[in-house]
Amino acid sequence: MLIVFTSEIKKYLLKLFKLIIMSKIKINYFVDMLMFIFFIVTSVTGLISFLLPRGRSLYLGIPRGDLVFIHSWAGLILIVLVGLHLILHWGWIKNMTKHLFKK
């Protein structure tokens, strides 16, 4: 009876472990995809604002002020996503730092 009970607990714990790992993998995937999207948005709006002649206030019908607004908010969201990315990979960062700087 104890062997069956222990076996069932192992199965349950394995399922739970897989669910947690898959959840972390999915969260990491979505954080990374969002980081990529907001990086592109920030880069494109920054380059357009930088390269747009100063006398011109529209680019493809979008006012310069709106480009700056989009650029600023995309940049702030990107900062938050990078923070989440670092939190998700903190264990790896610690382990690699220890490995690279061990005496």
N, C-alpha and C. Protein backbone atom coordinates (compact mmCIF):
# COMPACT_ATOMS: atom_id res chain seq x y z
N MET A 1 0.83 -1.20 0.00
CA MET A 1 0.00 0.00 0.00
C MET A 1 0.87 1.26 0.00
N LEU A 2 1.92 1.28 0.81
CA LEU A 2 2.81 2.43 0.89
C LEU A 2 3.53 2.65 -0.43
N ILE A 3 3.90 1.58 -1.11
CA ILE A 3 4.59 1.69 -2.40
C ILE A 3 3.68 2.33 -3.43
N VAL A 4 2.43 1.95 -3.48
CA VAL A 4 1.47 2.52 -4.42
C VAL A 4 1.27 4.00 -4.09
N PHE A 5 1.11 4.30 -2.80
CA PHE A 5 0.92 5.68 -2.37
C PHE A 5 2.12 6.54 -2.76
N THR A 6 3.33 6.05 -2.52
CA THR A 6 4.55 6.77 -2.87
C THR A 6 4.65 6.95 -4.38
N SER A 7 4.27 5.93 -5.11
CA SER A 7 4.30 6.00 -6.57
C SER A 7 3.34 7.07 -7.07
N GLU A 8 2.15 7.15 -6.49
CA GLU A 8 1.17 8.16 -6.88
C GLU A 8 1.67 9.56 -6.55
N ILE A 9 2.31 9.71 -5.41
CA ILE A 9 2.88 11.02 -5.03
C ILE A 9 3.96 11.42 -6.02
N LYS A 10 4.81 10.48 -6.41
CA LYS A 10 5.86 10.78 -7.38
C LYS A 10 5.27 11.23 -8.70
N LYS A 11 4.21 10.54 -9.16
CA LYS A 11 3.55 10.92 -10.41
C LYS A 11 2.98 12.32 -10.32
N TYR A 12 2.31 12.60 -9.19
CA TYR A 12 1.71 13.91 -8.99
C TYR A 12 2.78 15.00 -8.96
N LEU A 13 3.87 14.75 -8.22
CA LEU A 13 4.95 15.75 -8.12
C LEU A 13 5.62 15.96 -9.47
N LEU A 14 5.77 14.89 -10.26
CA LEU A 14 6.35 15.02 -11.59
C LEU A 14 5.47 15.87 -12.49
N LYS A 15 4.15 15.65 -12.44
CA LYS A 15 3.21 16.46 -13.23
C LYS A 15 3.29 17.92 -12.80
N LEU A 16 3.31 18.15 -11.49
CA LEU A 16 3.40 19.52 -10.97
C LEU A 16 4.69 20.19 -11.41
N PHE A 17 5.80 19.46 -11.32
CA PHE A 17 7.10 19.98 -11.74
C PHE A 17 7.08 20.35 -13.22
N LYS A 18 6.53 19.46 -14.07
CA LYS A 18 6.44 19.74 -15.50
C LYS A 18 5.58 20.96 -15.77
N LEU A 19 4.48 21.09 -15.03
CA LEU A 19 3.60 22.24 -15.21
C LEU A 19 4.32 23.54 -14.85
N ILE A 20 5.08 23.51 -13.75
CA ILE A 20 5.82 24.71 -13.34
C ILE A 20 6.89 25.06 -14.37
N ILE A 21 7.63 24.06 -14.83
CA ILE A 21 8.67 24.29 -15.83
C ILE A 21 8.06 24.83 -17.12
N MET A 22 6.98 24.22 -17.58
CA MET A 22 6.33 24.67 -18.81
C MET A 22 5.79 26.09 -18.65
N SER A 23 5.25 26.39 -17.46
CA SER A 23 4.76 27.74 -17.23
C SER A 23 5.90 28.75 -17.32
N LYS A 24 7.04 28.42 -16.73
CA LYS A 24 8.18 29.33 -16.78
C LYS A 24 8.68 29.49 -18.21
N ILE A 25 8.70 28.38 -18.96
CA ILE A 25 9.14 28.44 -20.36
C ILE A 25 8.19 29.32 -21.17
N LYS A 26 6.89 29.15 -20.97
CA LYS A 26 5.90 29.95 -21.70
C LYS A 26 6.00 31.43 -21.32
N ILE A 27 6.13 31.70 -20.03
CA ILE A 27 6.27 33.09 -19.58
C ILE A 27 7.52 33.70 -20.20
N ASN A 28 8.63 32.96 -20.17
CA ASN A 28 9.88 33.44 -20.75
C ASN A 28 9.71 33.73 -22.25
N TYR A 29 9.02 32.83 -22.94
CA TYR A 29 8.78 33.01 -24.38
C TYR A 29 8.00 34.31 -24.64
N PHE A 30 6.91 34.51 -23.90
CA PHE A 30 6.10 35.71 -24.13
C PHE A 30 6.84 36.98 -23.73
N VAL A 31 7.59 36.93 -22.64
CA VAL A 31 8.39 38.10 -22.25
C VAL A 31 9.41 38.42 -23.34
N ASP A 32 10.09 37.40 -23.85
CA ASP A 32 11.09 37.62 -24.90
C ASP A 32 10.47 38.14 -26.19
N MET A 33 9.31 37.60 -26.58
CA MET A 33 8.63 38.07 -27.79
C MET A 33 8.18 39.53 -27.63
N LEU A 34 7.63 39.85 -26.46
CA LEU A 34 7.23 41.24 -26.21
C LEU A 34 8.44 42.17 -26.19
N MET A 35 9.55 41.70 -25.61
CA MET A 35 10.78 42.50 -25.62
C MET A 35 11.21 42.78 -27.05
N PHE A 36 11.16 41.78 -27.90
CA PHE A 36 11.54 41.95 -29.30
C PHE A 36 10.63 42.97 -29.99
N ILE A 37 9.33 42.84 -29.79
CA ILE A 37 8.37 43.76 -30.43
C ILE A 37 8.61 45.20 -29.96
N PHE A 38 8.74 45.39 -28.64
CA PHE A 38 8.92 46.74 -28.13
C PHE A 38 10.31 47.29 -28.46
N PHE A 39 11.31 46.42 -28.62
CA PHE A 39 12.61 46.86 -29.10
C PHE A 39 12.50 47.41 -30.52
N ILE A 40 11.78 46.69 -31.38
CA ILE A 40 11.59 47.13 -32.77
C ILE A 40 10.84 48.46 -32.80
N VAL A 41 9.76 48.56 -32.03
CA VAL A 41 8.97 49.81 -31.98
C VAL A 41 9.84 50.96 -31.50
N THR A 42 10.58 50.75 -30.42
CA THR A 42 11.45 51.81 -29.88
C THR A 42 12.53 52.19 -30.88
N SER A 43 13.12 51.21 -31.52
CA SER A 43 14.18 51.48 -32.51
C SER A 43 13.66 52.25 -33.71
N VAL A 44 12.55 51.79 -34.27
CA VAL A 44 12.01 52.42 -35.47
C VAL A 44 11.54 53.85 -35.18
N THR A 45 10.80 54.04 -34.09
CA THR A 45 10.33 55.40 -33.77
C THR A 45 11.49 56.31 -33.41
N GLY A 46 12.52 55.76 -32.75
CA GLY A 46 13.70 56.57 -32.44
C GLY A 46 14.46 56.98 -33.68
N LEU A 47 14.65 56.05 -34.61
CA LEU A 47 15.35 56.37 -35.86
C LEU A 47 14.55 57.36 -36.71
N ILE A 48 13.24 57.16 -36.78
CA ILE A 48 12.42 58.10 -37.56
C ILE A 48 12.50 59.49 -36.95
N SER A 49 12.37 59.58 -35.63
CA SER A 49 12.45 60.89 -34.98
C SER A 49 13.81 61.54 -35.18
N PHE A 50 14.86 60.71 -35.16
CA PHE A 50 16.22 61.23 -35.30
C PHE A 50 16.49 61.66 -36.74
N LEU A 51 16.03 60.88 -37.70
CA LEU A 51 16.34 61.16 -39.11
C LEU A 51 15.33 62.10 -39.78
N LEU A 52 14.17 62.27 -39.19
CA LEU A 52 13.15 63.15 -39.76
C LEU A 52 13.66 64.59 -39.73
N PRO A 53 13.63 65.28 -40.87
CA PRO A 53 14.07 66.67 -40.86
C PRO A 53 13.29 67.49 -39.83
N ARG A 54 14.00 68.39 -39.17
CA ARG A 54 13.39 69.15 -38.06
C ARG A 54 12.18 69.98 -38.49
N GLY A 55 12.16 70.47 -39.70
CA GLY A 55 11.03 71.29 -40.13
C GLY A 55 9.78 70.48 -40.44
N ARG A 56 9.96 69.18 -40.59
CA ARG A 56 8.84 68.32 -40.95
C ARG A 56 8.17 67.79 -39.68
N SER A 57 6.85 67.94 -39.61
CA SER A 57 6.16 67.51 -38.39
C SER A 57 5.38 66.21 -38.57
N LEU A 58 5.31 65.71 -39.80
CA LEU A 58 4.56 64.48 -40.05
C LEU A 58 5.46 63.44 -40.72
N TYR A 59 5.25 62.19 -40.36
CA TYR A 59 5.89 61.09 -41.07
C TYR A 59 4.82 60.03 -41.28
N LEU A 60 4.51 59.75 -42.53
CA LEU A 60 3.43 58.83 -42.89
C LEU A 60 2.12 59.20 -42.19
N GLY A 61 1.89 60.47 -42.05
CA GLY A 61 0.66 60.96 -41.44
C GLY A 61 0.68 60.95 -39.93
N ILE A 62 1.79 60.58 -39.32
CA ILE A 62 1.89 60.55 -37.85
C ILE A 62 2.66 61.78 -37.39
N PRO A 63 2.04 62.60 -36.53
CA PRO A 63 2.75 63.78 -36.02
C PRO A 63 3.99 63.39 -35.20
N ARG A 64 5.01 64.26 -35.25
CA ARG A 64 6.25 64.01 -34.52
C ARG A 64 5.99 63.79 -33.03
N GLY A 65 5.08 64.54 -32.47
CA GLY A 65 4.76 64.39 -31.04
C GLY A 65 4.23 63.00 -30.71
N ASP A 66 3.43 62.44 -31.62
CA ASP A 66 2.92 61.09 -31.41
C ASP A 66 4.04 60.06 -31.51
N LEU A 67 4.97 60.28 -32.43
CA LEU A 67 6.11 59.37 -32.54
C LEU A 67 6.94 59.38 -31.25
N VAL A 68 7.15 60.56 -30.71
CA VAL A 68 7.91 60.68 -29.46
C VAL A 68 7.15 60.01 -28.32
N PHE A 69 5.83 60.17 -28.29
CA PHE A 69 5.00 59.55 -27.26
C PHE A 69 5.09 58.02 -27.35
N ILE A 70 4.93 57.48 -28.55
CA ILE A 70 5.02 56.04 -28.77
C ILE A 70 6.42 55.53 -28.39
N HIS A 71 7.43 56.26 -28.80
CA HIS A 71 8.82 55.89 -28.51
C HIS A 71 9.05 55.85 -26.99
N SER A 72 8.57 56.85 -26.28
CA SER A 72 8.78 56.92 -24.83
C SER A 72 8.09 55.77 -24.11
N TRP A 73 6.83 55.52 -24.44
CA TRP A 73 6.10 54.46 -23.77
C TRP A 73 6.63 53.08 -24.13
N ALA A 74 7.00 52.89 -25.38
CA ALA A 74 7.58 51.60 -25.79
C ALA A 74 8.89 51.37 -25.05
N GLY A 75 9.67 52.43 -24.88
CA GLY A 75 10.93 52.32 -24.14
C GLY A 75 10.72 51.97 -22.68
N LEU A 76 9.73 52.59 -22.05
CA LEU A 76 9.43 52.28 -20.64
C LEU A 76 8.95 50.84 -20.48
N ILE A 77 8.09 50.40 -21.38
CA ILE A 77 7.61 49.01 -21.33
C ILE A 77 8.78 48.05 -21.56
N LEU A 78 9.68 48.42 -22.46
CA LEU A 78 10.86 47.58 -22.72
C LEU A 78 11.73 47.46 -21.47
N ILE A 79 11.88 48.53 -20.72
CA ILE A 79 12.66 48.49 -19.47
C ILE A 79 12.04 47.50 -18.49
N VAL A 80 10.72 47.53 -18.34
CA VAL A 80 10.03 46.61 -17.44
C VAL A 80 10.22 45.16 -17.91
N LEU A 81 10.10 44.95 -19.22
CA LEU A 81 10.27 43.59 -19.75
C LEU A 81 11.70 43.08 -19.57
N VAL A 82 12.68 43.95 -19.72
CA VAL A 82 14.07 43.54 -19.48
C VAL A 82 14.24 43.16 -18.01
N GLY A 83 13.61 43.91 -17.11
CA GLY A 83 13.65 43.56 -15.69
C GLY A 83 13.05 42.18 -15.43
N LEU A 84 11.89 41.91 -16.04
CA LEU A 84 11.27 40.58 -15.91
C LEU A 84 12.18 39.50 -16.48
N HIS A 85 12.80 39.78 -17.61
CA HIS A 85 13.71 38.83 -18.24
C HIS A 85 14.88 38.51 -17.30
N LEU A 86 15.43 39.52 -16.66
CA LEU A 86 16.54 39.30 -15.73
C LEU A 86 16.09 38.49 -14.51
N ILE A 87 14.88 38.76 -14.02
CA ILE A 87 14.35 37.99 -12.89
C ILE A 87 14.18 36.52 -13.28
N LEU A 88 13.64 36.28 -14.47
CA LEU A 88 13.44 34.90 -14.93
C LEU A 88 14.76 34.15 -15.09
N HIS A 89 15.83 34.86 -15.40
CA HIS A 89 17.12 34.22 -15.64
C HIS A 89 18.13 34.46 -14.52
N TRP A 90 17.66 34.92 -13.36
CA TRP A 90 18.57 35.28 -12.29
C TRP A 90 19.42 34.10 -11.83
N GLY A 91 18.84 32.92 -11.73
CA GLY A 91 19.60 31.73 -11.34
C GLY A 91 20.74 31.46 -12.30
N TRP A 92 20.46 31.55 -13.59
CA TRP A 92 21.48 31.33 -14.60
C TRP A 92 22.58 32.39 -14.50
N ILE A 93 22.19 33.64 -14.29
CA ILE A 93 23.16 34.73 -14.16
C ILE A 93 24.08 34.48 -12.97
N LYS A 94 23.49 34.09 -11.82
CA LYS A 94 24.31 33.80 -10.64
C LYS A 94 25.27 32.65 -10.89
N ASN A 95 24.76 31.57 -11.48
CA ASN A 95 25.61 30.40 -11.72
C ASN A 95 26.74 30.71 -12.70
N MET A 96 26.45 31.43 -13.76
CA MET A 96 27.49 31.76 -14.73
C MET A 96 28.53 32.71 -14.13
N THR A 97 28.08 33.65 -13.31
CA THR A 97 29.01 34.57 -12.66
C THR A 97 29.95 33.80 -11.73
N LYS A 98 29.38 32.87 -10.95
CA LYS A 98 30.22 32.05 -10.07
C LYS A 98 31.20 31.22 -10.89
N HIS A 99 30.71 30.65 -11.96
CA HIS A 99 31.56 29.80 -12.81
C HIS A 99 32.70 30.60 -13.47
N LEU A 100 32.39 31.78 -13.95
CA LEU A 100 33.39 32.58 -14.66
C LEU A 100 34.43 33.20 -13.73
N PHE A 101 34.02 33.50 -12.48
CA PHE A 101 34.93 34.20 -11.58
C PHE A 101 35.41 33.35 -10.42
N LYS A 102 35.26 32.04 -10.53
CA LYS A 102 35.76 31.19 -9.44
C LYS A 102 37.28 31.17 -9.48
N LYS A 103 37.87 31.04 -8.32
CA LYS A 103 39.33 31.12 -8.20
C LYS A 103 39.97 29.77 -8.32
